[in-house]
Amino acid sequence: MDALARLEAAIAADGSAAAWAARVGISSAYVSDVRRGVRQPGPSVLQALGLQRVVSYRDEEARS
């Protein structure tokens, strides 16, 4: 499950985005921005969802 899907499931479980944001200590405006794709989920959102950002790189030659 990706981060946005997990966020939507968490919001549904709490009944509203405002309720989820208040419970985890994140502003509801920030949660709204993440949901609309205006901002990427940062450490506070990811931590509340039990996720961790992972970045990887690969050699361009590996794509061939």
PDB file of N, CA and C in Angstrom:
ATOM      1  N   MET A   1       0.851  -1.185   0.000  1.00  0.00           N
ATOM      2  CA  MET A   1       0.000   0.000   0.000  1.00  0.00           C
ATOM      3  C   MET A   1       0.892   1.242   0.000  1.00  0.00           C
ATOM      4  N   ASP A   2       0.593   2.182  -0.868  1.00  0.00           N
ATOM      5  CA  ASP A   2       1.411   3.386  -0.906  1.00  0.00           C
ATOM      6  C   ASP A   2       1.006   4.351   0.206  1.00  0.00           C
ATOM      7  N   ALA A   3       1.798   5.396   0.366  1.00  0.00           N
ATOM      8  CA  ALA A   3       1.589   6.327   1.480  1.00  0.00           C
ATOM      9  C   ALA A   3       0.232   7.018   1.411  1.00  0.00           C
ATOM     10  N   LEU A   4      -0.186   7.441   0.228  1.00  0.00           N
ATOM     11  CA  LEU A   4      -1.458   8.146   0.120  1.00  0.00           C
ATOM     12  C   LEU A   4      -2.631   7.227   0.435  1.00  0.00           C
ATOM     13  N   ALA A   5      -2.563   5.996  -0.029  1.00  0.00           N
ATOM     14  CA  ALA A   5      -3.629   5.037   0.275  1.00  0.00           C
ATOM     15  C   ALA A   5      -3.676   4.754   1.773  1.00  0.00           C
ATOM     16  N   ARG A   6      -2.512   4.642   2.391  1.00  0.00           N
ATOM     17  CA  ARG A   6      -2.467   4.406   3.839  1.00  0.00           C
ATOM     18  C   ARG A   6      -3.017   5.613   4.597  1.00  0.00           C
ATOM     19  N   LEU A   7      -2.709   6.811   4.110  1.00  0.00           N
ATOM     20  CA  LEU A   7      -3.233   8.029   4.728  1.00  0.00           C
ATOM     21  C   LEU A   7      -4.757   8.047   4.633  1.00  0.00           C
ATOM     22  N   GLU A   8      -5.287   7.751   3.473  1.00  0.00           N
ATOM     23  CA  GLU A   8      -6.747   7.749   3.298  1.00  0.00           C
ATOM     24  C   GLU A   8      -7.412   6.712   4.205  1.00  0.00           C
ATOM     25  N   ALA A   9      -6.782   5.554   4.356  1.00  0.00           N
ATOM     26  CA  ALA A   9      -7.335   4.524   5.245  1.00  0.00           C
ATOM     27  C   ALA A   9      -7.306   4.989   6.694  1.00  0.00           C
ATOM     28  N   ALA A  10      -6.238   5.658   7.099  1.00  0.00           N
ATOM     29  CA  ALA A  10      -6.126   6.159   8.471  1.00  0.00           C
ATOM     30  C   ALA A  10      -7.172   7.241   8.732  1.00  0.00           C
ATOM     31  N   ILE A  11      -7.373   8.106   7.750  1.00  0.00           N
ATOM     32  CA  ILE A  11      -8.377   9.163   7.881  1.00  0.00           C
ATOM     33  C   ILE A  11      -9.769   8.548   8.000  1.00  0.00           C
ATOM     34  N   ALA A  12     -10.049   7.562   7.172  1.00  0.00           N
ATOM     35  CA  ALA A  12     -11.355   6.891   7.223  1.00  0.00           C
ATOM     36  C   ALA A  12     -11.577   6.233   8.580  1.00  0.00           C
ATOM     37  N   ALA A  13     -10.532   5.642   9.131  1.00  0.00           N
ATOM     38  CA  ALA A  13     -10.647   4.968  10.428  1.00  0.00           C
ATOM     39  C   ALA A  13     -10.954   5.964  11.544  1.00  0.00           C
ATOM     40  N   ASP A  14     -10.427   7.177  11.432  1.00  0.00           N
ATOM     41  CA  ASP A  14     -10.669   8.198  12.451  1.00  0.00           C
ATOM     42  C   ASP A  14     -11.919   9.027  12.170  1.00  0.00           C
ATOM     43  N   GLY A  15     -12.510   8.857  11.014  1.00  0.00           N
ATOM     44  CA  GLY A  15     -13.747   9.553  10.696  1.00  0.00           C
ATOM     45  C   GLY A  15     -13.597  10.827   9.896  1.00  0.00           C
ATOM     46  N   SER A  16     -12.456  11.478   9.997  1.00  0.00           N
ATOM     47  CA  SER A  16     -12.217  12.698   9.215  1.00  0.00           C
ATOM     48  C   SER A  16     -10.729  13.022   9.220  1.00  0.00           C
ATOM     49  N   ALA A  17     -10.331  13.825   8.231  1.00  0.00           N
ATOM     50  CA  ALA A  17      -8.932  14.259   8.171  1.00  0.00           C
ATOM     51  C   ALA A  17      -8.572  15.109   9.375  1.00  0.00           C
ATOM     52  N   ALA A  18      -9.511  15.949   9.805  1.00  0.00           N
ATOM     53  CA  ALA A  18      -9.251  16.813  10.962  1.00  0.00           C
ATOM     54  C   ALA A  18      -9.047  15.981  12.222  1.00  0.00           C
ATOM     55  N   ALA A  19      -9.843  14.940  12.388  1.00  0.00           N
ATOM     56  CA  ALA A  19      -9.705  14.076  13.568  1.00  0.00           C
ATOM     57  C   ALA A  19      -8.379  13.341  13.545  1.00  0.00           C
ATOM     58  N   TRP A  20      -7.999  12.820  12.395  1.00  0.00           N
ATOM     59  CA  TRP A  20      -6.726  12.106  12.297  1.00  0.00           C
ATOM     60  C   TRP A  20      -5.565  13.058  12.563  1.00  0.00           C
ATOM     61  N   ALA A  21      -5.610  14.229  11.947  1.00  0.00           N
ATOM     62  CA  ALA A  21      -4.542  15.212  12.129  1.00  0.00           C
ATOM     63  C   ALA A  21      -4.403  15.602  13.600  1.00  0.00           C
ATOM     64  N   ALA A  22      -5.519  15.843  14.261  1.00  0.00           N
ATOM     65  CA  ALA A  22      -5.474  16.212  15.681  1.00  0.00           C
ATOM     66  C   ALA A  22      -4.916  15.076  16.526  1.00  0.00           C
ATOM     67  N   ARG A  23      -5.315  13.843  16.207  1.00  0.00           N
ATOM     68  CA  ARG A  23      -4.854  12.704  17.003  1.00  0.00           C
ATOM     69  C   ARG A  23      -3.346  12.508  16.902  1.00  0.00           C
ATOM     70  N   VAL A  24      -2.781  12.736  15.711  1.00  0.00           N
ATOM     71  CA  VAL A  24      -1.345  12.495  15.532  1.00  0.00           C
ATOM     72  C   VAL A  24      -0.502  13.758  15.671  1.00  0.00           C
ATOM     73  N   GLY A  25      -1.158  14.911  15.895  1.00  0.00           N
ATOM     74  CA  GLY A  25      -0.416  16.150  16.140  1.00  0.00           C
ATOM     75  C   GLY A  25       0.128  16.825  14.899  1.00  0.00           C
ATOM     76  N   ILE A  26      -0.625  16.739  13.807  1.00  0.00           N
ATOM     77  CA  ILE A  26      -0.226  17.360  12.546  1.00  0.00           C
ATOM     78  C   ILE A  26      -1.347  18.329  12.162  1.00  0.00           C
ATOM     79  N   SER A  27      -1.008  19.444  11.545  1.00  0.00           N
ATOM     80  CA  SER A  27      -2.061  20.388  11.167  1.00  0.00           C
ATOM     81  C   SER A  27      -2.939  19.794  10.072  1.00  0.00           C
ATOM     82  N   SER A  28      -4.211  20.101  10.150  1.00  0.00           N
ATOM     83  CA  SER A  28      -5.135  19.589   9.146  1.00  0.00           C
ATOM     84  C   SER A  28      -4.858  20.217   7.775  1.00  0.00           C
ATOM     85  N   ALA A  29      -4.315  21.437   7.749  1.00  0.00           N
ATOM     86  CA  ALA A  29      -3.957  22.070   6.477  1.00  0.00           C
ATOM     87  C   ALA A  29      -2.840  21.288   5.786  1.00  0.00           C
ATOM     88  N   TYR A  30      -1.873  20.829   6.566  1.00  0.00           N
ATOM     89  CA  TYR A  30      -0.772  20.031   6.018  1.00  0.00           C
ATOM     90  C   TYR A  30      -1.303  18.710   5.470  1.00  0.00           C
ATOM     91  N   VAL A  31      -2.187  18.063   6.205  1.00  0.00           N
ATOM     92  CA  VAL A  31      -2.781  16.808   5.748  1.00  0.00           C
ATOM     93  C   VAL A  31      -3.553  17.046   4.452  1.00  0.00           C
ATOM     94  N   SER A  32      -4.282  18.140   4.381  1.00  0.00           N
ATOM     95  CA  SER A  32      -5.017  18.478   3.169  1.00  0.00           C
ATOM     96  C   SER A  32      -4.078  18.669   1.984  1.00  0.00           C
ATOM     97  N   ASP A  33      -2.968  19.351   2.208  1.00  0.00           N
ATOM     98  CA  ASP A  33      -1.980  19.553   1.138  1.00  0.00           C
ATOM     99  C   ASP A  33      -1.417  18.223   0.642  1.00  0.00           C
ATOM    100  N   VAL A  34      -1.145  17.318   1.554  1.00  0.00           N
ATOM    101  CA  VAL A  34      -0.624  16.002   1.165  1.00  0.00           C
ATOM    102  C   VAL A  34      -1.677  15.256   0.351  1.00  0.00           C
ATOM    103  N   ARG A  35      -2.898  15.270   0.797  1.00  0.00           N
ATOM    104  CA  ARG A  35      -3.980  14.576   0.096  1.00  0.00           C
ATOM    105  C   ARG A  35      -4.185  15.118  -1.316  1.00  0.00           C
ATOM    106  N   ARG A  36      -4.024  16.433  -1.491  1.00  0.00           N
ATOM    107  CA  ARG A  36      -4.236  17.065  -2.799  1.00  0.00           C
ATOM    108  C   ARG A  36      -2.999  17.008  -3.686  1.00  0.00           C
ATOM    109  N   GLY A  37      -1.878  16.505  -3.165  1.00  0.00           N
ATOM    110  CA  GLY A  37      -0.653  16.411  -3.952  1.00  0.00           C
ATOM    111  C   GLY A  37       0.142  17.693  -4.016  1.00  0.00           C
ATOM    112  N   VAL A  38      -0.223  18.669  -3.180  1.00  0.00           N
ATOM    113  CA  VAL A  38       0.488  19.941  -3.142  1.00  0.00           C
ATOM    114  C   VAL A  38       1.837  19.771  -2.435  1.00  0.00           C
ATOM    115  N   ARG A  39       1.862  18.908  -1.417  1.00  0.00           N
ATOM    116  CA  ARG A  39       3.092  18.620  -0.668  1.00  0.00           C
ATOM    117  C   ARG A  39       3.276  17.115  -0.582  1.00  0.00           C
ATOM    118  N   GLN A  40       4.513  16.706  -0.492  1.00  0.00           N
ATOM    119  CA  GLN A  40       4.836  15.303  -0.260  1.00  0.00           C
ATOM    120  C   GLN A  40       4.675  15.004   1.226  1.00  0.00           C
ATOM    121  N   PRO A  41       4.338  13.779   1.572  1.00  0.00           N
ATOM    122  CA  PRO A  41       4.271  13.458   3.005  1.00  0.00           C
ATOM    123  C   PRO A  41       5.665  13.519   3.614  1.00  0.00           C
ATOM    124  N   GLY A  42       5.802  14.333   4.631  1.00  0.00           N
ATOM    125  CA  GLY A  42       7.082  14.489   5.303  1.00  0.00           C
ATOM    126  C   GLY A  42       7.219  13.523   6.462  1.00  0.00           C
ATOM    127  N   PRO A  43       8.287  13.667   7.228  1.00  0.00           N
ATOM    128  CA  PRO A  43       8.567  12.744   8.332  1.00  0.00           C
ATOM    129  C   PRO A  43       7.429  12.592   9.331  1.00  0.00           C
ATOM    130  N   SER A  44       6.731  13.677   9.657  1.00  0.00           N
ATOM    131  CA  SER A  44       5.664  13.570  10.655  1.00  0.00           C
ATOM    132  C   SER A  44       4.501  12.727  10.147  1.00  0.00           C
ATOM    133  N   VAL A  45       4.125  12.911   8.895  1.00  0.00           N
ATOM    134  CA  VAL A  45       3.037  12.114   8.319  1.00  0.00           C
ATOM    135  C   VAL A  45       3.479  10.664   8.171  1.00  0.00           C
ATOM    136  N   LEU A  46       4.669  10.465   7.636  1.00  0.00           N
ATOM    137  CA  LEU A  46       5.167   9.099   7.430  1.00  0.00           C
ATOM    138  C   LEU A  46       5.268   8.348   8.749  1.00  0.00           C
ATOM    139  N   GLN A  47       5.780   9.000   9.768  1.00  0.00           N
ATOM    140  CA  GLN A  47       5.908   8.349  11.074  1.00  0.00           C
ATOM    141  C   GLN A  47       4.532   7.979  11.625  1.00  0.00           C
ATOM    142  N   ALA A  48       3.572   8.876  11.492  1.00  0.00           N
ATOM    143  CA  ALA A  48       2.222   8.597  11.983  1.00  0.00           C
ATOM    144  C   ALA A  48       1.591   7.420  11.255  1.00  0.00           C
ATOM    145  N   LEU A  49       2.021   7.188  10.017  1.00  0.00           N
ATOM    146  CA  LEU A  49       1.490   6.085   9.223  1.00  0.00           C
ATOM    147  C   LEU A  49       2.319   4.813   9.359  1.00  0.00           C
ATOM    148  N   GLY A  50       3.412   4.900  10.115  1.00  0.00           N
ATOM    149  CA  GLY A  50       4.281   3.733  10.279  1.00  0.00           C
ATOM    150  C   GLY A  50       5.130   3.455   9.052  1.00  0.00           C
ATOM    151  N   LEU A  51       5.453   4.524   8.320  1.00  0.00           N
ATOM    152  CA  LEU A  51       6.241   4.392   7.101  1.00  0.00           C
ATOM    153  C   LEU A  51       7.570   5.119   7.230  1.00  0.00           C
ATOM    154  N   GLN A  52       8.472   4.782   6.339  1.00  0.00           N
ATOM    155  CA  GLN A  52       9.779   5.424   6.289  1.00  0.00           C
ATOM    156  C   GLN A  52      10.106   5.692   4.827  1.00  0.00           C
ATOM    157  N   ARG A  53      10.595   6.887   4.527  1.00  0.00           N
ATOM    158  CA  ARG A  53      10.987   7.221   3.156  1.00  0.00           C
ATOM    159  C   ARG A  53      12.277   6.469   2.813  1.00  0.00           C
ATOM    160  N   VAL A  54      12.286   5.841   1.653  1.00  0.00           N
ATOM    161  CA  VAL A  54      13.458   5.127   1.168  1.00  0.00           C
ATOM    162  C   VAL A  54      13.768   5.653  -0.221  1.00  0.00           C
ATOM    163  N   VAL A  55      14.992   6.095  -0.417  1.00  0.00           N
ATOM    164  CA  VAL A  55      15.432   6.598  -1.712  1.00  0.00           C
ATOM    165  C   VAL A  55      16.497   5.660  -2.223  1.00  0.00           C
ATOM    166  N   SER A  56      16.407   5.317  -3.494  1.00  0.00           N
ATOM    167  CA  SER A  56      17.435   4.446  -4.058  1.00  0.00           C
ATOM    168  C   SER A  56      17.864   4.993  -5.411  1.00  0.00           C
ATOM    169  N   TYR A  57      19.022   4.582  -5.829  1.00  0.00           N
ATOM    170  CA  TYR A  57      19.585   4.985  -7.104  1.00  0.00           C
ATOM    171  C   TYR A  57      20.060   3.731  -7.814  1.00  0.00           C
ATOM    172  N   ARG A  58      20.021   3.771  -9.139  1.00  0.00           N
ATOM    173  CA  ARG A  58      20.564   2.643  -9.878  1.00  0.00           C
ATOM    174  C   ARG A  58      21.335   3.167 -11.065  1.00  0.00           C
ATOM    175  N   ASP A  59      22.229   2.381 -11.529  1.00  0.00           N
ATOM    176  CA  ASP A  59      23.069   2.704 -12.667  1.00  0.00           C
ATOM    177  C   ASP A  59      22.181   2.777 -13.913  1.00  0.00           C
ATOM    178  N   GLU A  60      22.365   3.798 -14.741  1.00  0.00           N
ATOM    179  CA  GLU A  60      21.561   3.914 -15.945  1.00  0.00           C
ATOM    180  C   GLU A  60      21.757   2.728 -16.884  1.00  0.00           C
ATOM    181  N   GLU A  61      22.923   2.127 -16.863  1.00  0.00           N
ATOM    182  CA  GLU A  61      23.173   0.962 -17.710  1.00  0.00           C
ATOM    183  C   GLU A  61      22.308  -0.217 -17.319  1.00  0.00           C
ATOM    184  N   ALA A  62      21.846  -0.248 -16.072  1.00  0.00           N
ATOM    185  CA  ALA A  62      21.008  -1.341 -15.602  1.00  0.00           C
ATOM    186  C   ALA A  62      19.622  -1.294 -16.231  1.00  0.00           C
ATOM    187  N   ARG A  63      19.238  -0.131 -16.768  1.00  0.00           N
ATOM    188  CA  ARG A  63      17.926   0.000 -17.398  1.00  0.00           C
ATOM    189  C   ARG A  63      17.858  -0.653 -18.761  1.00  0.00           C
ATOM    190  N   SER A  64      18.967  -0.862 -19.384  1.00  0.00           N
ATOM    191  CA  SER A  64      18.980  -1.420 -20.752  1.00  0.00           C
ATOM    192  C   SER A  64      18.662  -2.883 -20.796  1.00  0.00           C
TER     193      SER A  64
END
